[in-house]
Amino acid sequence: MVQHNRILFAAKLDREPAGISLTELAEINAYNASVCWQWRKQALGLKAFYKELLRVGTIGDSGSRIIR
């Protein structure tokens, strides 16, 4: 709380601006979000594929586990 009050009454900021525009930041966030969705889709697809392999008996029971 003390740090917060000190910043409120300071004459200048304690750090310089980041030097990145909000547009560039939004583009980076959008790209990262799309990559996350791609990884999620791939992970869910691999999980379903592995479960199907276990169901049809393609993978033996020696140490196999279903990922939940």
C-alpha atoms as a PDB file:
ATOM      1  CA  MET A   1       0.000   0.000   0.000  1.00  0.00           C
ATOM      2  CA  VAL A   2       2.868   2.361   0.781  1.00  0.00           C
ATOM      3  CA  GLN A   3       4.405   1.758  -2.651  1.00  0.00           C
ATOM      4  CA  HIS A   4       1.020   2.418  -4.262  1.00  0.00           C
ATOM      5  CA  ASN A   5       0.616   5.760  -2.456  1.00  0.00           C
ATOM      6  CA  ARG A   6       4.171   6.796  -3.274  1.00  0.00           C
ATOM      7  CA  ILE A   7       3.551   6.177  -6.973  1.00  0.00           C
ATOM      8  CA  LEU A   8       0.327   8.182  -6.900  1.00  0.00           C
ATOM      9  CA  PHE A   9       2.106  11.270  -5.591  1.00  0.00           C
ATOM     10  CA  ALA A  10       5.377  10.889  -7.504  1.00  0.00           C
ATOM     11  CA  ALA A  11       6.263  13.599 -10.005  1.00  0.00           C
ATOM     12  CA  LYS A  12       7.245  11.093 -12.686  1.00  0.00           C
ATOM     13  CA  LEU A  13       6.898   7.375 -13.373  1.00  0.00           C
ATOM     14  CA  ASP A  14       9.493   4.999 -11.991  1.00  0.00           C
ATOM     15  CA  ARG A  15      10.019   3.382 -15.395  1.00  0.00           C
ATOM     16  CA  GLU A  16      10.057   4.335 -19.034  1.00  0.00           C
ATOM     17  CA  PRO A  17       7.245   3.474 -21.483  1.00  0.00           C
ATOM     18  CA  ALA A  18       7.425  -0.005 -22.978  1.00  0.00           C
ATOM     19  CA  GLY A  19       8.015   1.256 -26.505  1.00  0.00           C
ATOM     20  CA  ILE A  20       5.443  -1.071 -28.078  1.00  0.00           C
ATOM     21  CA  SER A  21       2.212   0.166 -29.604  1.00  0.00           C
ATOM     22  CA  LEU A  22      -1.169  -1.156 -28.525  1.00  0.00           C
ATOM     23  CA  THR A  23      -1.783  -2.288 -32.106  1.00  0.00           C
ATOM     24  CA  GLU A  24       1.383  -4.389 -32.081  1.00  0.00           C
ATOM     25  CA  LEU A  25       0.474  -5.792 -28.680  1.00  0.00           C
ATOM     26  CA  ALA A  26      -3.002  -6.740 -29.943  1.00  0.00           C
ATOM     27  CA  GLU A  27      -1.502  -8.468 -33.001  1.00  0.00           C
ATOM     28  CA  ILE A  28       0.878 -10.470 -30.811  1.00  0.00           C
ATOM     29  CA  ASN A  29      -1.956 -11.461 -28.458  1.00  0.00           C
ATOM     30  CA  ALA A  30      -4.142 -12.550 -31.379  1.00  0.00           C
ATOM     31  CA  TYR A  31      -1.305 -14.643 -32.827  1.00  0.00           C
ATOM     32  CA  ASN A  32      -0.567 -16.273 -29.456  1.00  0.00           C
ATOM     33  CA  ALA A  33      -4.254 -17.067 -28.956  1.00  0.00           C
ATOM     34  CA  SER A  34      -4.482 -18.743 -32.372  1.00  0.00           C
ATOM     35  CA  VAL A  35      -1.399 -20.846 -31.632  1.00  0.00           C
ATOM     36  CA  CYS A  36      -2.883 -21.882 -28.273  1.00  0.00           C
ATOM     37  CA  TRP A  37      -6.108 -22.993 -29.986  1.00  0.00           C
ATOM     38  CA  GLN A  38      -4.092 -25.002 -32.530  1.00  0.00           C
ATOM     39  CA  TRP A  39      -2.126 -26.761 -29.781  1.00  0.00           C
ATOM     40  CA  ARG A  40      -5.343 -27.447 -27.864  1.00  0.00           C
ATOM     41  CA  LYS A  41      -7.020 -28.969 -30.934  1.00  0.00           C
ATOM     42  CA  GLN A  42      -3.964 -31.108 -31.612  1.00  0.00           C
ATOM     43  CA  ALA A  43      -3.761 -32.291 -27.993  1.00  0.00           C
ATOM     44  CA  LEU A  44      -7.461 -33.202 -27.912  1.00  0.00           C
ATOM     45  CA  GLY A  45      -7.126 -35.023 -31.228  1.00  0.00           C
ATOM     46  CA  LEU A  46      -4.126 -37.022 -30.028  1.00  0.00           C
ATOM     47  CA  LYS A  47      -5.952 -37.872 -26.804  1.00  0.00           C
ATOM     48  CA  ALA A  48      -8.978 -39.157 -28.741  1.00  0.00           C
ATOM     49  CA  PHE A  49      -6.723 -41.112 -31.110  1.00  0.00           C
ATOM     50  CA  TYR A  50      -4.884 -42.740 -28.196  1.00  0.00           C
ATOM     51  CA  LYS A  51      -8.152 -43.672 -26.468  1.00  0.00           C
ATOM     52  CA  GLU A  52      -9.390 -45.243 -29.705  1.00  0.00           C
ATOM     53  CA  LEU A  53      -6.175 -47.253 -30.025  1.00  0.00           C
ATOM     54  CA  LEU A  54      -6.692 -48.540 -26.497  1.00  0.00           C
ATOM     55  CA  ARG A  55     -10.335 -49.360 -27.234  1.00  0.00           C
ATOM     56  CA  VAL A  56      -9.596 -51.463 -30.302  1.00  0.00           C
ATOM     57  CA  GLY A  57      -6.675 -53.179 -28.611  1.00  0.00           C
ATOM     58  CA  THR A  58      -3.903 -51.862 -30.833  1.00  0.00           C
ATOM     59  CA  ILE A  59      -1.877 -50.947 -27.753  1.00  0.00           C
ATOM     60  CA  GLY A  60      -1.138 -53.737 -25.293  1.00  0.00           C
ATOM     61  CA  ASP A  61      -1.837 -53.585 -21.567  1.00  0.00           C
ATOM     62  CA  SER A  62       1.837 -53.516 -20.589  1.00  0.00           C
ATOM     63  CA  GLY A  63       2.014 -50.182 -18.815  1.00  0.00           C
ATOM     64  CA  SER A  64      -0.519 -48.352 -20.996  1.00  0.00           C
ATOM     65  CA  ARG A  65      -2.615 -45.715 -19.291  1.00  0.00           C
ATOM     66  CA  ILE A  66      -5.550 -43.666 -20.523  1.00  0.00           C
ATOM     67  CA  ILE A  67      -4.852 -39.951 -20.265  1.00  0.00           C
ATOM     68  CA  ARG A  68      -7.720 -38.185 -18.528  1.00  0.00           C
END
